[in-house]
């Protein structure tokens, strides 16, 4: 995924959602990592919270699995990319 991350917070959320959906739909990625990506998606779609809180919750879910030794390199890179974009979202 060579796309440049957007600058608008709503656009950033959509960009990260597309990254995470790719992880969830990749059968080569271990189930626990796909589950964490699904959890992060759930947090990002929670309209009852502010964008900053949604992003922070998603980062928390992704950081838990980001050091998993069973994670394929391409998945780790995508998760780190998602975390990097999410960390720029502030309220």
N, C-alpha and C. Protein backbone atom coordinates (compact mmCIF):
# COMPACT_ATOMS: atom_id res chain seq x y z
N UNK A 1 0.86 -1.17 0.00
CA UNK A 1 0.00 0.00 0.00
C UNK A 1 0.91 1.24 0.00
N UNK A 2 1.03 1.85 -1.14
CA UNK A 2 1.94 2.97 -1.29
C UNK A 2 1.22 4.32 -1.25
N UNK A 3 -0.03 4.33 -0.84
CA UNK A 3 -0.80 5.57 -0.79
C UNK A 3 -0.26 6.49 0.29
N UNK A 4 -0.37 7.78 0.04
CA UNK A 4 0.04 8.78 1.02
C UNK A 4 -1.13 9.00 1.98
N UNK A 5 -0.82 9.04 3.27
CA UNK A 5 -1.87 9.22 4.28
C UNK A 5 -2.50 10.60 4.14
N UNK A 6 -3.82 10.68 4.26
CA UNK A 6 -4.52 11.96 4.15
C UNK A 6 -4.27 12.85 5.37
N UNK A 7 -4.69 14.11 5.27
CA UNK A 7 -4.45 15.05 6.36
C UNK A 7 -5.69 15.34 7.19
N UNK A 8 -6.88 15.20 6.64
CA UNK A 8 -8.13 15.43 7.36
C UNK A 8 -8.43 14.23 8.27
N UNK A 9 -8.86 14.48 9.52
CA UNK A 9 -9.08 13.39 10.48
C UNK A 9 -10.09 12.35 9.99
N UNK A 10 -11.20 12.78 9.42
CA UNK A 10 -12.19 11.83 8.90
C UNK A 10 -11.57 10.98 7.80
N UNK A 11 -10.79 11.61 6.93
CA UNK A 11 -10.14 10.89 5.84
C UNK A 11 -9.10 9.91 6.40
N UNK A 12 -8.42 10.31 7.47
CA UNK A 12 -7.44 9.41 8.10
C UNK A 12 -8.12 8.16 8.63
N UNK A 13 -9.28 8.35 9.27
CA UNK A 13 -10.03 7.21 9.80
C UNK A 13 -10.41 6.26 8.65
N UNK A 14 -10.90 6.82 7.54
CA UNK A 14 -11.28 5.99 6.39
C UNK A 14 -10.07 5.25 5.82
N UNK A 15 -8.94 5.94 5.76
CA UNK A 15 -7.70 5.34 5.26
C UNK A 15 -7.30 4.16 6.14
N UNK A 16 -7.32 4.37 7.45
CA UNK A 16 -6.94 3.30 8.38
C UNK A 16 -7.94 2.15 8.32
N UNK A 17 -9.22 2.47 8.20
CA UNK A 17 -10.23 1.41 8.07
C UNK A 17 -9.94 0.54 6.85
N UNK A 18 -9.51 1.14 5.75
CA UNK A 18 -9.20 0.34 4.56
C UNK A 18 -7.99 -0.56 4.81
N UNK A 19 -7.00 -0.07 5.53
CA UNK A 19 -5.83 -0.89 5.88
C UNK A 19 -6.28 -2.07 6.75
N UNK A 20 -7.07 -1.77 7.77
CA UNK A 20 -7.50 -2.80 8.72
C UNK A 20 -8.41 -3.83 8.05
N UNK A 21 -9.27 -3.39 7.15
CA UNK A 21 -10.14 -4.33 6.43
C UNK A 21 -9.29 -5.30 5.59
N UNK A 22 -8.21 -4.79 5.02
CA UNK A 22 -7.30 -5.66 4.28
C UNK A 22 -6.68 -6.73 5.17
N UNK A 23 -6.35 -6.35 6.40
CA UNK A 23 -5.79 -7.31 7.36
C UNK A 23 -6.83 -8.34 7.76
N UNK A 24 -8.03 -7.88 8.08
CA UNK A 24 -9.12 -8.77 8.50
C UNK A 24 -9.43 -9.80 7.42
N UNK A 25 -9.38 -9.38 6.16
CA UNK A 25 -9.75 -10.26 5.05
C UNK A 25 -8.59 -11.10 4.51
N UNK A 26 -7.41 -11.01 5.13
CA UNK A 26 -6.23 -11.76 4.68
C UNK A 26 -6.13 -13.06 5.49
N UNK A 27 -6.43 -14.17 4.86
CA UNK A 27 -6.42 -15.47 5.55
C UNK A 27 -5.02 -15.91 5.95
N UNK A 28 -3.98 -15.28 5.42
CA UNK A 28 -2.60 -15.64 5.77
C UNK A 28 -2.14 -15.01 7.07
N UNK A 29 -2.94 -14.14 7.63
CA UNK A 29 -2.60 -13.47 8.88
C UNK A 29 -3.24 -14.25 10.03
N UNK A 30 -2.49 -14.51 11.10
CA UNK A 30 -3.04 -15.27 12.23
C UNK A 30 -4.33 -14.67 12.79
N UNK A 31 -5.18 -15.54 13.29
CA UNK A 31 -6.52 -15.17 13.76
C UNK A 31 -6.47 -14.09 14.85
N UNK A 32 -5.55 -14.18 15.79
CA UNK A 32 -5.51 -13.19 16.87
C UNK A 32 -5.21 -11.78 16.35
N UNK A 33 -4.44 -11.70 15.30
CA UNK A 33 -4.10 -10.40 14.72
C UNK A 33 -5.30 -9.85 13.94
N UNK A 34 -5.99 -10.73 13.22
CA UNK A 34 -7.21 -10.31 12.52
C UNK A 34 -8.27 -9.88 13.53
N UNK A 35 -8.33 -10.56 14.68
CA UNK A 35 -9.29 -10.20 15.73
C UNK A 35 -8.98 -8.81 16.28
N UNK A 36 -7.69 -8.51 16.49
CA UNK A 36 -7.30 -7.18 16.98
C UNK A 36 -7.64 -6.11 15.95
N UNK A 37 -7.46 -6.41 14.68
CA UNK A 37 -7.81 -5.45 13.63
C UNK A 37 -9.32 -5.22 13.62
N UNK A 38 -10.09 -6.29 13.82
CA UNK A 38 -11.55 -6.15 13.89
C UNK A 38 -11.97 -5.30 15.08
N UNK A 39 -11.29 -5.50 16.20
CA UNK A 39 -11.58 -4.71 17.40
C UNK A 39 -11.27 -3.24 17.15
N UNK A 40 -10.15 -2.98 16.49
CA UNK A 40 -9.78 -1.59 16.16
C UNK A 40 -10.82 -0.96 15.23
N UNK A 41 -11.32 -1.74 14.27
CA UNK A 41 -12.37 -1.25 13.37
C UNK A 41 -13.61 -0.88 14.17
N UNK A 42 -13.96 -1.74 15.11
CA UNK A 42 -15.15 -1.47 15.95
C UNK A 42 -14.96 -0.15 16.70
N UNK A 43 -13.78 0.07 17.26
CA UNK A 43 -13.51 1.33 17.97
C UNK A 43 -13.62 2.53 17.04
N UNK A 44 -13.05 2.40 15.84
CA UNK A 44 -13.05 3.52 14.90
C UNK A 44 -14.45 3.87 14.41
N UNK A 45 -15.34 2.91 14.41
CA UNK A 45 -16.72 3.15 13.94
C UNK A 45 -17.66 3.58 15.05
N UNK A 46 -17.18 3.67 16.29
CA UNK A 46 -18.03 4.03 17.43
C UNK A 46 -18.30 5.54 17.42
N UNK A 47 -19.42 5.92 16.83
CA UNK A 47 -19.76 7.34 16.66
C UNK A 47 -20.07 8.06 17.97
N UNK A 48 -20.23 7.31 19.06
CA UNK A 48 -20.54 7.95 20.35
C UNK A 48 -19.29 8.59 20.98
N UNK A 49 -18.12 8.29 20.42
CA UNK A 49 -16.87 8.83 20.96
C UNK A 49 -16.28 9.86 19.99
N UNK A 50 -15.43 10.73 20.51
CA UNK A 50 -14.75 11.71 19.65
C UNK A 50 -13.72 10.99 18.78
N UNK A 51 -13.28 11.64 17.72
CA UNK A 51 -12.29 11.04 16.82
C UNK A 51 -11.00 10.69 17.55
N UNK A 52 -10.57 11.57 18.44
CA UNK A 52 -9.34 11.33 19.18
C UNK A 52 -9.42 10.11 20.08
N UNK A 53 -10.55 9.93 20.74
CA UNK A 53 -10.74 8.78 21.62
C UNK A 53 -10.84 7.50 20.80
N UNK A 54 -11.54 7.57 19.68
CA UNK A 54 -11.64 6.40 18.80
C UNK A 54 -10.26 5.97 18.33
N UNK A 55 -9.47 6.95 17.91
CA UNK A 55 -8.12 6.65 17.42
C UNK A 55 -7.25 6.06 18.53
N UNK A 56 -7.33 6.63 19.73
CA UNK A 56 -6.53 6.13 20.85
C UNK A 56 -6.92 4.70 21.22
N UNK A 57 -8.21 4.40 21.22
CA UNK A 57 -8.68 3.04 21.52
C UNK A 57 -8.19 2.05 20.47
N UNK A 58 -8.23 2.46 19.21
CA UNK A 58 -7.78 1.59 18.13
C UNK A 58 -6.27 1.34 18.22
N UNK A 59 -5.51 2.38 18.53
CA UNK A 59 -4.06 2.23 18.70
C UNK A 59 -3.77 1.24 19.81
N UNK A 60 -4.50 1.35 20.91
CA UNK A 60 -4.31 0.44 22.03
C UNK A 60 -4.54 -1.01 21.60
N UNK A 61 -5.60 -1.26 20.86
CA UNK A 61 -5.90 -2.62 20.40
C UNK A 61 -4.81 -3.14 19.46
N UNK A 62 -4.30 -2.28 18.60
CA UNK A 62 -3.29 -2.70 17.63
C UNK A 62 -1.92 -2.88 18.26
N UNK A 63 -1.57 -2.04 19.23
CA UNK A 63 -0.26 -2.16 19.87
C UNK A 63 -0.10 -3.46 20.62
N UNK A 64 -1.22 -3.99 21.14
CA UNK A 64 -1.16 -5.26 21.86
C UNK A 64 -0.60 -6.38 20.98
N UNK A 65 -0.95 -6.39 19.71
CA UNK A 65 -0.51 -7.48 18.83
C UNK A 65 0.66 -7.08 17.92
N UNK A 66 1.07 -5.82 17.94
CA UNK A 66 2.08 -5.35 16.99
C UNK A 66 3.43 -6.04 17.18
N UNK A 67 3.68 -6.60 18.34
CA UNK A 67 4.95 -7.28 18.59
C UNK A 67 4.84 -8.80 18.54
N UNK A 68 3.70 -9.31 18.08
CA UNK A 68 3.49 -10.75 18.00
C UNK A 68 4.53 -11.37 17.06
N UNK A 69 5.31 -12.33 17.57
CA UNK A 69 6.36 -12.93 16.72
C UNK A 69 5.81 -13.74 15.55
N UNK A 70 4.55 -14.14 15.61
CA UNK A 70 3.95 -14.94 14.53
C UNK A 70 3.37 -14.09 13.41
N UNK A 71 3.46 -12.77 13.56
CA UNK A 71 2.87 -11.88 12.56
C UNK A 71 3.76 -11.82 11.32
N UNK A 72 3.17 -12.02 10.14
CA UNK A 72 3.95 -11.86 8.91
C UNK A 72 4.45 -10.41 8.78
N UNK A 73 5.60 -10.25 8.15
CA UNK A 73 6.21 -8.92 8.01
C UNK A 73 5.27 -7.94 7.32
N UNK A 74 4.58 -8.36 6.27
CA UNK A 74 3.70 -7.42 5.55
C UNK A 74 2.56 -6.94 6.45
N UNK A 75 2.08 -7.80 7.33
CA UNK A 75 1.01 -7.40 8.25
C UNK A 75 1.54 -6.43 9.30
N UNK A 76 2.73 -6.69 9.80
CA UNK A 76 3.33 -5.80 10.81
C UNK A 76 3.51 -4.40 10.23
N UNK A 77 3.98 -4.34 9.00
CA UNK A 77 4.18 -3.04 8.34
C UNK A 77 2.86 -2.30 8.20
N UNK A 78 1.80 -3.01 7.81
CA UNK A 78 0.49 -2.37 7.66
C UNK A 78 -0.05 -1.90 9.00
N UNK A 79 0.14 -2.69 10.04
CA UNK A 79 -0.34 -2.28 11.37
C UNK A 79 0.44 -1.07 11.86
N UNK A 80 1.75 -1.07 11.68
CA UNK A 80 2.54 0.10 12.09
C UNK A 80 2.12 1.33 11.31
N UNK A 81 1.82 1.17 10.03
CA UNK A 81 1.35 2.28 9.21
C UNK A 81 0.04 2.83 9.78
N UNK A 82 -0.89 1.92 10.10
CA UNK A 82 -2.18 2.33 10.68
C UNK A 82 -1.97 3.07 12.00
N UNK A 83 -1.11 2.52 12.86
CA UNK A 83 -0.84 3.16 14.16
C UNK A 83 -0.26 4.56 13.96
N UNK A 84 0.67 4.68 13.04
CA UNK A 84 1.31 5.98 12.77
C UNK A 84 0.27 7.03 12.36
N UNK A 85 -0.65 6.65 11.48
CA UNK A 85 -1.68 7.58 11.04
C UNK A 85 -2.62 7.90 12.20
N UNK A 86 -3.03 6.88 12.95
CA UNK A 86 -3.97 7.10 14.07
C UNK A 86 -3.37 8.01 15.14
N UNK A 87 -2.07 7.91 15.36
CA UNK A 87 -1.43 8.75 16.38
C UNK A 87 -1.42 10.22 16.04
N UNK A 88 -1.71 10.56 14.78
CA UNK A 88 -1.77 11.98 14.39
C UNK A 88 -3.14 12.59 14.61
N UNK A 89 -4.13 11.75 14.99
CA UNK A 89 -5.50 12.24 15.18
C UNK A 89 -5.67 12.73 16.61
N UNK A 90 -5.98 13.99 16.74
CA UNK A 90 -6.21 14.61 18.05
C UNK A 90 -7.56 15.31 18.04
N UNK A 91 -8.14 15.46 19.22
CA UNK A 91 -9.42 16.18 19.32
C UNK A 91 -9.20 17.67 19.28
